[in-house]
N, C-alpha and C. Protein backbone atom coordinates (compact mmCIF):
# COMPACT_ATOMS: atom_id res chain seq x y z
N UNK A 1 0.83 -1.19 0.00
CA UNK A 1 0.00 0.00 0.00
C UNK A 1 0.87 1.25 0.00
N UNK A 2 1.98 1.24 0.75
CA UNK A 2 2.86 2.39 0.79
C UNK A 2 3.46 2.66 -0.58
N UNK A 3 3.89 1.61 -1.28
CA UNK A 3 4.44 1.77 -2.63
C UNK A 3 3.38 2.37 -3.55
N UNK A 4 2.16 1.90 -3.43
CA UNK A 4 1.06 2.42 -4.23
C UNK A 4 0.87 3.91 -3.98
N UNK A 5 0.93 4.32 -2.72
CA UNK A 5 0.79 5.74 -2.36
C UNK A 5 1.91 6.56 -2.97
N UNK A 6 3.13 6.04 -2.96
CA UNK A 6 4.26 6.77 -3.52
C UNK A 6 4.16 6.89 -5.04
N UNK A 7 3.63 5.86 -5.68
CA UNK A 7 3.52 5.90 -7.14
C UNK A 7 2.44 6.85 -7.62
N UNK A 8 1.34 6.92 -6.90
CA UNK A 8 0.20 7.67 -7.38
C UNK A 8 0.10 9.06 -6.74
N UNK A 9 0.38 9.18 -5.47
CA UNK A 9 0.18 10.45 -4.78
C UNK A 9 1.33 11.40 -4.98
N UNK A 10 1.01 12.69 -4.93
CA UNK A 10 2.04 13.71 -5.02
C UNK A 10 1.44 15.02 -4.57
N UNK A 11 2.17 15.80 -3.80
CA UNK A 11 1.67 17.10 -3.40
C UNK A 11 2.82 18.03 -3.10
N UNK A 12 2.54 19.33 -3.17
CA UNK A 12 3.59 20.32 -2.94
C UNK A 12 3.65 20.69 -1.46
N UNK A 13 4.77 21.27 -1.06
CA UNK A 13 4.95 21.70 0.32
C UNK A 13 3.93 22.77 0.67
N UNK A 14 3.60 23.64 -0.29
CA UNK A 14 2.62 24.70 -0.04
C UNK A 14 1.27 24.11 0.35
N UNK A 15 0.94 22.96 -0.18
CA UNK A 15 -0.35 22.35 0.12
C UNK A 15 -0.42 21.89 1.57
N UNK A 16 0.71 21.54 2.18
CA UNK A 16 0.70 21.10 3.57
C UNK A 16 0.18 22.20 4.49
N UNK A 17 0.45 23.46 4.15
CA UNK A 17 -0.04 24.55 4.99
C UNK A 17 -1.55 24.67 4.91
N UNK A 18 -2.16 24.15 3.85
CA UNK A 18 -3.60 24.17 3.72
C UNK A 18 -4.24 23.00 4.45
N UNK A 19 -3.45 22.17 5.12
CA UNK A 19 -3.97 21.04 5.86
C UNK A 19 -4.09 19.76 5.03
N UNK A 20 -3.60 19.77 3.81
CA UNK A 20 -3.71 18.59 2.95
C UNK A 20 -2.60 17.61 3.29
N UNK A 21 -2.99 16.39 3.64
CA UNK A 21 -2.01 15.36 3.98
C UNK A 21 -1.52 14.62 2.74
N UNK A 22 -2.46 14.17 1.89
CA UNK A 22 -2.11 13.44 0.67
C UNK A 22 -3.08 13.83 -0.44
N UNK A 23 -2.65 13.62 -1.68
CA UNK A 23 -3.52 13.85 -2.83
C UNK A 23 -3.31 12.74 -3.85
N UNK A 24 -4.37 12.38 -4.55
CA UNK A 24 -4.33 11.34 -5.57
C UNK A 24 -5.11 11.84 -6.77
N UNK A 25 -4.66 11.49 -7.97
CA UNK A 25 -5.37 11.87 -9.18
C UNK A 25 -5.58 10.64 -10.06
N UNK A 26 -6.77 10.56 -10.65
CA UNK A 26 -7.12 9.43 -11.49
C UNK A 26 -7.76 9.92 -12.78
N UNK A 27 -7.55 9.18 -13.84
CA UNK A 27 -8.14 9.48 -15.13
C UNK A 27 -8.88 8.24 -15.61
N UNK A 28 -10.04 8.44 -16.23
CA UNK A 28 -10.75 7.32 -16.84
C UNK A 28 -11.50 7.83 -18.06
N UNK A 29 -11.72 6.95 -18.99
CA UNK A 29 -12.42 7.28 -20.23
C UNK A 29 -13.81 6.66 -20.19
N UNK A 30 -14.82 7.45 -20.57
CA UNK A 30 -16.20 6.97 -20.56
C UNK A 30 -16.81 7.19 -21.93
N UNK A 31 -17.34 6.13 -22.50
CA UNK A 31 -18.03 6.20 -23.79
C UNK A 31 -19.52 6.17 -23.51
N UNK A 32 -20.27 7.12 -24.06
CA UNK A 32 -21.72 7.09 -23.82
C UNK A 32 -22.34 5.81 -24.37
N UNK A 33 -23.42 5.35 -23.75
CA UNK A 33 -24.07 4.12 -24.18
C UNK A 33 -24.76 4.26 -25.52
N UNK A 34 -25.55 5.30 -25.68
CA UNK A 34 -26.22 5.56 -26.96
C UNK A 34 -25.54 6.77 -27.58
N UNK A 35 -25.08 6.62 -28.80
CA UNK A 35 -24.35 7.70 -29.46
C UNK A 35 -25.22 8.28 -30.57
N UNK A 36 -25.49 9.58 -30.47
CA UNK A 36 -26.27 10.27 -31.48
C UNK A 36 -25.43 10.37 -32.77
N UNK A 37 -26.09 10.19 -33.92
CA UNK A 37 -25.40 10.29 -35.20
C UNK A 37 -26.08 11.33 -36.07
N UNK A 38 -25.27 11.90 -36.99
CA UNK A 38 -25.81 12.84 -37.97
C UNK A 38 -26.56 12.04 -39.04
N UNK A 39 -27.29 12.74 -39.93
CA UNK A 39 -28.01 12.03 -41.00
C UNK A 39 -27.11 11.16 -41.88
N UNK A 40 -25.81 11.53 -41.98
CA UNK A 40 -24.91 10.72 -42.81
C UNK A 40 -24.34 9.52 -42.05
N UNK A 41 -24.78 9.32 -40.80
CA UNK A 41 -24.34 8.16 -40.02
C UNK A 41 -23.09 8.39 -39.18
N UNK A 42 -22.45 9.56 -39.28
CA UNK A 42 -21.25 9.87 -38.50
C UNK A 42 -21.65 10.27 -37.08
N UNK A 43 -20.92 9.81 -36.08
CA UNK A 43 -21.25 10.17 -34.68
C UNK A 43 -21.11 11.68 -34.45
N UNK A 44 -22.04 12.24 -33.68
CA UNK A 44 -21.97 13.65 -33.29
C UNK A 44 -20.88 13.83 -32.24
N UNK A 45 -20.78 12.86 -31.36
CA UNK A 45 -19.79 12.90 -30.28
C UNK A 45 -18.45 12.42 -30.81
N UNK A 46 -17.38 13.18 -30.54
CA UNK A 46 -16.07 12.89 -31.11
C UNK A 46 -15.38 11.66 -30.52
N UNK A 47 -15.76 11.24 -29.36
CA UNK A 47 -15.08 10.10 -28.76
C UNK A 47 -15.41 9.98 -27.30
N UNK A 48 -14.66 9.20 -26.57
CA UNK A 48 -14.96 9.03 -25.14
C UNK A 48 -14.69 10.32 -24.36
N UNK A 49 -15.44 10.48 -23.28
CA UNK A 49 -15.21 11.60 -22.36
C UNK A 49 -14.09 11.22 -21.41
N UNK A 50 -13.22 12.17 -21.14
CA UNK A 50 -12.14 11.95 -20.18
C UNK A 50 -12.58 12.49 -18.84
N UNK A 51 -12.54 11.65 -17.82
CA UNK A 51 -12.93 12.06 -16.47
C UNK A 51 -11.67 12.15 -15.62
N UNK A 52 -11.41 13.34 -15.08
CA UNK A 52 -10.28 13.55 -14.16
C UNK A 52 -10.85 13.74 -12.76
N UNK A 53 -10.34 12.96 -11.82
CA UNK A 53 -10.82 13.03 -10.44
C UNK A 53 -9.62 13.16 -9.52
N UNK A 54 -9.71 14.10 -8.57
CA UNK A 54 -8.65 14.33 -7.59
C UNK A 54 -9.24 14.10 -6.21
N UNK A 55 -8.50 13.38 -5.37
CA UNK A 55 -8.90 13.17 -3.97
C UNK A 55 -7.89 13.87 -3.08
N UNK A 56 -8.39 14.65 -2.11
CA UNK A 56 -7.55 15.36 -1.15
C UNK A 56 -7.87 14.86 0.25
N UNK A 57 -6.85 14.52 1.00
CA UNK A 57 -7.03 14.06 2.38
C UNK A 57 -6.77 15.25 3.30
N UNK A 58 -7.80 15.67 4.01
CA UNK A 58 -7.69 16.84 4.89
C UNK A 58 -8.24 16.50 6.27
N UNK A 59 -7.80 17.24 7.30
CA UNK A 59 -8.32 16.98 8.65
C UNK A 59 -9.82 17.23 8.72
N UNK A 60 -10.54 16.37 9.43
CA UNK A 60 -11.99 16.57 9.56
C UNK A 60 -12.29 17.77 10.45
N UNK A 61 -11.35 18.17 11.28
CA UNK A 61 -11.56 19.33 12.13
C UNK A 61 -11.14 20.62 11.43
N UNK A 62 -10.55 20.52 10.26
CA UNK A 62 -10.06 21.66 9.48
C UNK A 62 -11.25 22.41 8.89
N UNK A 63 -11.23 23.74 8.97
CA UNK A 63 -12.28 24.56 8.39
C UNK A 63 -12.09 24.57 6.87
N UNK A 64 -12.82 23.68 6.19
CA UNK A 64 -12.62 23.53 4.75
C UNK A 64 -12.99 24.79 3.98
N UNK A 65 -13.81 25.64 4.55
CA UNK A 65 -14.14 26.88 3.86
C UNK A 65 -12.95 27.83 3.84
N UNK A 66 -11.92 27.56 4.66
CA UNK A 66 -10.74 28.42 4.69
C UNK A 66 -9.94 28.31 3.40
N UNK A 67 -9.98 27.15 2.72
CA UNK A 67 -9.30 27.00 1.43
C UNK A 67 -10.36 27.08 0.34
N UNK A 68 -10.23 28.06 -0.52
CA UNK A 68 -11.15 28.22 -1.63
C UNK A 68 -10.39 27.89 -2.90
N UNK A 69 -10.73 26.77 -3.53
CA UNK A 69 -10.06 26.36 -4.75
C UNK A 69 -10.63 27.15 -5.91
N UNK A 70 -9.75 27.73 -6.72
CA UNK A 70 -10.16 28.64 -7.80
C UNK A 70 -9.99 28.05 -9.19
N UNK A 71 -8.81 27.45 -9.45
CA UNK A 71 -8.46 27.03 -10.80
C UNK A 71 -7.76 25.69 -10.79
N UNK A 72 -7.80 25.03 -11.95
CA UNK A 72 -7.07 23.78 -12.16
C UNK A 72 -6.58 23.76 -13.60
N UNK A 73 -5.39 23.17 -13.81
CA UNK A 73 -4.83 23.05 -15.16
C UNK A 73 -4.15 21.71 -15.31
N UNK A 74 -4.16 21.24 -16.57
CA UNK A 74 -3.39 20.06 -16.94
C UNK A 74 -3.10 20.17 -18.44
N UNK A 75 -1.83 19.99 -18.80
CA UNK A 75 -1.39 20.05 -20.20
C UNK A 75 -1.87 21.31 -20.91
N UNK A 76 -1.83 22.45 -20.19
CA UNK A 76 -2.21 23.73 -20.78
C UNK A 76 -3.70 23.98 -20.89
N UNK A 77 -4.53 23.05 -20.42
CA UNK A 77 -5.98 23.19 -20.48
C UNK A 77 -6.49 23.62 -19.11
N UNK A 78 -7.37 24.62 -19.11
CA UNK A 78 -8.02 25.08 -17.87
C UNK A 78 -9.19 24.16 -17.54
N UNK A 79 -9.36 23.89 -16.26
CA UNK A 79 -10.46 23.04 -15.80
C UNK A 79 -11.27 23.75 -14.73
N UNK A 80 -12.57 23.54 -14.76
CA UNK A 80 -13.43 23.90 -13.64
C UNK A 80 -13.64 22.59 -12.88
N UNK A 81 -14.24 22.68 -11.71
CA UNK A 81 -14.42 21.44 -10.95
C UNK A 81 -15.59 21.55 -10.00
N UNK A 82 -16.07 20.38 -9.61
CA UNK A 82 -17.06 20.27 -8.56
C UNK A 82 -16.36 19.63 -7.37
N UNK A 83 -16.67 20.11 -6.19
CA UNK A 83 -16.04 19.64 -4.97
C UNK A 83 -17.08 18.89 -4.13
N UNK A 84 -16.72 17.69 -3.69
CA UNK A 84 -17.62 16.86 -2.88
C UNK A 84 -16.89 16.41 -1.62
N UNK A 85 -17.55 16.56 -0.48
CA UNK A 85 -17.00 16.02 0.77
C UNK A 85 -17.46 14.57 0.88
N UNK A 86 -16.51 13.68 1.11
CA UNK A 86 -16.83 12.26 1.23
C UNK A 86 -16.68 11.84 2.68
N UNK A 87 -17.72 11.33 3.24
CA UNK A 87 -17.72 10.98 4.66
C UNK A 87 -17.13 9.60 4.92
N UNK A 88 -17.26 8.69 3.96
CA UNK A 88 -16.82 7.32 4.21
C UNK A 88 -15.31 7.18 4.05
N UNK A 89 -14.73 6.38 4.89
CA UNK A 89 -13.33 6.00 4.76
C UNK A 89 -13.21 4.60 5.34
N UNK A 90 -12.61 3.65 4.71
CA UNK A 90 -11.94 3.82 3.42
C UNK A 90 -12.97 3.99 2.29
N UNK A 91 -12.50 4.54 1.17
CA UNK A 91 -13.37 4.69 0.02
C UNK A 91 -12.73 4.02 -1.19
N UNK A 92 -13.59 3.49 -2.04
CA UNK A 92 -13.09 2.82 -3.24
C UNK A 92 -13.15 3.80 -4.41
N UNK A 93 -11.98 4.15 -4.96
CA UNK A 93 -11.90 5.11 -6.06
C UNK A 93 -12.17 4.46 -7.41
N UNK A 94 -11.97 3.16 -7.52
CA UNK A 94 -12.17 2.46 -8.78
C UNK A 94 -11.23 1.27 -8.87
N UNK A 95 -11.00 0.81 -10.12
CA UNK A 95 -10.13 -0.32 -10.38
C UNK A 95 -9.06 0.10 -11.37
N UNK A 96 -7.79 -0.17 -11.04
CA UNK A 96 -6.69 0.20 -11.92
C UNK A 96 -6.80 -0.52 -13.25
N UNK A 97 -6.63 0.23 -14.33
CA UNK A 97 -6.71 -0.36 -15.65
C UNK A 97 -5.52 -1.29 -15.86
N UNK A 98 -5.77 -2.43 -16.44
CA UNK A 98 -4.72 -3.40 -16.71
C UNK A 98 -4.52 -4.40 -15.60
N UNK A 99 -4.32 -3.93 -14.37
CA UNK A 99 -4.05 -4.85 -13.27
C UNK A 99 -5.32 -5.33 -12.57
N UNK A 100 -6.40 -4.60 -12.75
CA UNK A 100 -7.68 -4.92 -12.12
C UNK A 100 -7.63 -4.88 -10.59
N UNK A 101 -6.63 -4.18 -10.04
CA UNK A 101 -6.56 -4.01 -8.58
C UNK A 101 -7.49 -2.88 -8.16
N UNK A 102 -8.25 -3.13 -7.10
CA UNK A 102 -9.13 -2.09 -6.57
C UNK A 102 -8.28 -1.02 -5.88
N UNK A 103 -8.65 0.24 -6.11
CA UNK A 103 -7.97 1.36 -5.46
C UNK A 103 -8.81 1.75 -4.26
N UNK A 104 -8.28 1.52 -3.07
CA UNK A 104 -8.97 1.83 -1.83
C UNK A 104 -8.15 2.88 -1.10
N UNK A 105 -8.76 4.02 -0.82
CA UNK A 105 -8.08 5.11 -0.12
C UNK A 105 -8.55 5.13 1.32
N UNK A 106 -7.61 5.05 2.23
CA UNK A 106 -7.91 5.06 3.65
C UNK A 106 -7.31 6.32 4.26
N UNK A 107 -8.14 7.10 4.89
CA UNK A 107 -7.68 8.34 5.52
C UNK A 107 -7.07 8.04 6.89
N UNK A 108 -6.10 8.85 7.26
CA UNK A 108 -5.49 8.75 8.59
C UNK A 108 -6.52 9.15 9.65
N UNK A 109 -6.22 8.84 10.89
CA UNK A 109 -7.11 9.20 11.99
C UNK A 109 -7.32 10.72 11.98
N UNK A 110 -8.57 11.13 12.15
CA UNK A 110 -8.98 12.54 12.16
C UNK A 110 -8.87 13.21 10.80
N UNK A 111 -8.78 12.42 9.73
CA UNK A 111 -8.75 12.97 8.37
C UNK A 111 -9.92 12.41 7.58
N UNK A 112 -10.31 13.13 6.55
CA UNK A 112 -11.36 12.69 5.64
C UNK A 112 -10.97 13.04 4.21
N UNK A 113 -11.86 12.76 3.26
CA UNK A 113 -11.56 12.96 1.84
C UNK A 113 -12.47 14.00 1.20
N UNK A 114 -11.88 14.77 0.30
CA UNK A 114 -12.64 15.62 -0.61
C UNK A 114 -12.35 15.13 -2.01
N UNK A 115 -13.38 15.10 -2.86
CA UNK A 115 -13.21 14.70 -4.26
C UNK A 115 -13.49 15.89 -5.15
N UNK A 116 -12.55 16.19 -6.05
CA UNK A 116 -12.73 17.23 -7.06
C UNK A 116 -12.88 16.52 -8.40
N UNK A 117 -13.98 16.77 -9.08
CA UNK A 117 -14.21 16.23 -10.42
C UNK A 117 -13.97 17.36 -11.40
N UNK A 118 -12.95 17.20 -12.25
CA UNK A 118 -12.54 18.26 -13.16
C UNK A 118 -13.19 18.10 -14.53
N UNK A 119 -13.57 19.23 -15.13
CA UNK A 119 -14.14 19.27 -16.48
C UNK A 119 -13.53 20.48 -17.19
N UNK A 120 -13.30 20.38 -18.50
CA UNK A 120 -12.72 21.53 -19.22
C UNK A 120 -13.54 22.79 -18.97
N UNK A 121 -12.85 23.89 -18.67
CA UNK A 121 -13.51 25.14 -18.31
C UNK A 121 -13.91 25.92 -19.55
N UNK A 122 -15.03 26.62 -19.46
CA UNK A 122 -15.42 27.51 -20.55
C UNK A 122 -14.51 28.73 -20.57
N UNK A 123 -14.15 29.22 -19.39
CA UNK A 123 -13.27 30.38 -19.28
C UNK A 123 -11.84 29.89 -19.17
N UNK A 124 -11.01 30.28 -20.10
CA UNK A 124 -9.61 29.84 -20.11
C UNK A 124 -8.78 30.77 -19.23
N UNK A 125 -7.78 30.20 -18.57
CA UNK A 125 -6.86 30.99 -17.76
C UNK A 125 -5.46 30.40 -17.89
N UNK A 126 -4.47 31.20 -17.56
CA UNK A 126 -3.08 30.77 -17.66
C UNK A 126 -2.64 30.18 -16.33
N UNK A 127 -1.94 29.04 -16.36
CA UNK A 127 -1.48 28.44 -15.10
C UNK A 127 -0.61 29.42 -14.31
N UNK A 128 -0.69 29.28 -12.98
CA UNK A 128 0.07 30.13 -12.09
C UNK A 128 1.57 29.91 -12.24
N UNK A 129 1.96 28.76 -12.75
CA UNK A 129 3.36 28.43 -12.97
C UNK A 129 3.44 27.39 -14.07
N UNK A 130 4.62 27.17 -14.58
CA UNK A 130 4.79 26.16 -15.61
C UNK A 130 4.49 24.77 -15.08
N UNK A 131 3.94 23.95 -15.93
CA UNK A 131 3.59 22.59 -15.53
C UNK A 131 4.25 21.59 -16.46
N UNK A 132 4.60 20.47 -15.89
CA UNK A 132 5.15 19.37 -16.68
C UNK A 132 4.00 18.65 -17.38
N UNK A 133 4.26 17.97 -18.50
CA UNK A 133 3.20 17.20 -19.16
C UNK A 133 2.60 16.18 -18.19
N UNK A 134 1.27 16.13 -18.15
CA UNK A 134 0.58 15.19 -17.28
C UNK A 134 0.40 15.65 -15.84
N UNK A 135 0.99 16.79 -15.48
CA UNK A 135 0.89 17.30 -14.10
C UNK A 135 -0.39 18.11 -13.95
N UNK A 136 -1.08 17.92 -12.84
CA UNK A 136 -2.26 18.74 -12.52
C UNK A 136 -1.82 19.78 -11.51
N UNK A 137 -2.22 21.03 -11.74
CA UNK A 137 -1.96 22.11 -10.79
C UNK A 137 -3.31 22.64 -10.32
N UNK A 138 -3.51 22.66 -9.01
CA UNK A 138 -4.69 23.27 -8.41
C UNK A 138 -4.25 24.57 -7.74
N UNK A 139 -5.05 25.61 -7.91
CA UNK A 139 -4.74 26.91 -7.31
C UNK A 139 -5.91 27.32 -6.42
N UNK A 140 -5.58 27.79 -5.23
CA UNK A 140 -6.62 28.24 -4.32
C UNK A 140 -6.08 29.32 -3.40
N UNK A 141 -6.93 29.74 -2.48
CA UNK A 141 -6.53 30.73 -1.49
C UNK A 141 -6.96 30.27 -0.11
N UNK A 142 -6.09 30.53 0.84
CA UNK A 142 -6.40 30.30 2.25
C UNK A 142 -6.17 31.64 2.93
N UNK A 143 -7.26 32.36 3.17
CA UNK A 143 -7.12 33.73 3.64
C UNK A 143 -6.49 34.56 2.53
N UNK A 144 -5.36 35.18 2.82
CA UNK A 144 -4.64 35.97 1.81
C UNK A 144 -3.52 35.17 1.14
N UNK A 145 -3.31 33.96 1.62
CA UNK A 145 -2.21 33.15 1.12
C UNK A 145 -2.64 32.32 -0.09
N UNK A 146 -1.83 32.37 -1.14
CA UNK A 146 -2.07 31.59 -2.34
C UNK A 146 -1.58 30.16 -2.11
N UNK A 147 -2.40 29.18 -2.49
CA UNK A 147 -2.07 27.77 -2.33
C UNK A 147 -1.92 27.16 -3.72
N UNK A 148 -0.82 26.49 -3.97
CA UNK A 148 -0.62 25.74 -5.21
C UNK A 148 -0.40 24.28 -4.85
N UNK A 149 -1.16 23.41 -5.47
CA UNK A 149 -1.04 21.98 -5.23
C UNK A 149 -0.62 21.33 -6.55
N UNK A 150 0.54 20.69 -6.56
CA UNK A 150 1.05 19.98 -7.73
C UNK A 150 0.76 18.50 -7.56
N UNK A 151 0.08 17.93 -8.52
CA UNK A 151 -0.17 16.49 -8.51
C UNK A 151 0.58 15.94 -9.71
N UNK A 152 1.62 15.17 -9.42
CA UNK A 152 2.59 14.81 -10.44
C UNK A 152 2.36 13.49 -11.15
N UNK A 153 1.39 12.72 -10.72
CA UNK A 153 1.15 11.47 -11.42
C UNK A 153 -0.33 11.14 -11.43
N UNK A 154 -0.74 10.50 -12.50
CA UNK A 154 -2.11 10.06 -12.68
C UNK A 154 -2.12 8.54 -12.80
N UNK A 155 -3.13 7.93 -12.26
CA UNK A 155 -3.33 6.50 -12.47
C UNK A 155 -4.61 6.36 -13.29
N UNK A 156 -4.59 5.46 -14.27
CA UNK A 156 -5.79 5.27 -15.08
C UNK A 156 -6.65 4.18 -14.48
N UNK A 157 -7.94 4.50 -14.39
CA UNK A 157 -8.92 3.55 -13.86
C UNK A 157 -9.70 2.93 -15.00
N UNK A 158 -10.20 1.72 -14.77
CA UNK A 158 -11.10 1.07 -15.73
C UNK A 158 -12.32 1.95 -15.90
N UNK A 159 -12.84 2.02 -17.11
CA UNK A 159 -14.05 2.81 -17.33
C UNK A 159 -15.26 2.04 -16.83
N UNK A 160 -16.26 2.79 -16.45
CA UNK A 160 -17.50 2.18 -15.98
C UNK A 160 -18.29 1.79 -17.22
N UNK A 161 -18.79 0.56 -17.29
CA UNK A 161 -19.52 0.13 -18.48
C UNK A 161 -20.72 1.03 -18.77
N UNK A 162 -20.94 1.30 -20.06
CA UNK A 162 -22.08 2.11 -20.48
C UNK A 162 -23.36 1.30 -20.36
N UNK A 163 -24.47 2.00 -20.25
CA UNK A 163 -25.76 1.33 -20.12
C UNK A 163 -26.45 1.35 -21.46
C-alpha cells in the first residue's frame, strides 16, 4: 500500500499549509451508451469523455471553507471542478486499468476525503506556474495566502460500463 501511495500520490509543500495530507489523481475514459449520429451516419460525439478526479485528504476538524479552490490546469488546459465532501473511509476510487486491482483510499485518523471532479472550463486561464506534461496544478486561497497543489502522477482507472 505504501508503494502504491508513492507511485500515485504527489503534493507540494505549499499544500501542507492548507492542511492537505495526501492527494491522488485518477483518469478514466467513458463512452456514452447511446451515441447520437448525424443524417450521414457519422457520430456527433467525437469520442470518449475523459474524467479527471482528484482526492484530497484533509483533517476533519479543518475549516474547509478556509481554502477556496479557484483554478485547475493540466497540459495547458483550464479546468473547472465540482467539490464533494466524502464521509466514508476507506473509500473505493475504482479499479486500476490493466491490473484490475481495486484502489482503496484510507484516511489517517482525524482525516477525511474531498473529491474534485474536473471538467474543461469555458473560461480559459493561464497556469500560475509552468507545468510538466501530465501534471495537474490546483490553485486556491487560504485567507490571503495563495495555495498551489502539484499532482505529479495520474493513475488510469477502468471505465464504468455504459448502459
